Amino acid sequence: IDLPAARTEEGADFAEEVEDEARTGTRRNMLGGSLLDADRNPLILIQSVRVEGTGPLIGGATMATVRITIAGRTREVSAPFAFELQPESLHVTADFRLAQSALGLTPFNALLGGLQVEDEMHLKLDIRATSDQSVGLD
């Protein structure tokens, strides 16, 4: 949560350093019962539902629909994904915005709303799958 290297990657909007105490508080609030409820729901599950495109899957405009289970709630979300296929690997990336409320979550707020987290999240996914030669596919 708020690791310096990750913040640097996001540019000037995230240039300010976050103190350890604030980072710990953010983690506690995110994992707590009012948001992710991680004690009762320790996993976030993302399942592929369908992939559709206007051209070839590799290099074309592709929309993927995924089923996300988070904090005990399941929702389907569609977003643009890019696929890069190599002989021994698959690389999938996505960069999109999604409201927490679209997942059934309520953004954190405190001090009677004086401190609020935005509903909209900016999600970046970078998924790499590689061939495992030790797995027998015969």
Foldseek 3Di string as FASTA:
>chain_A
DLDVVVLVVVPDVSNDHDDPVVVVVVVCVCCDPQFQVCVVPVDKDKAWDDKDFPDDLAPGFIKTWIWIQTSNFIAIDIFTKHWDDDPFKIKIKGWDKDFSVNRVGDWDADPVRPDTDGRIDIDIDIDMDGHDVVDDPD
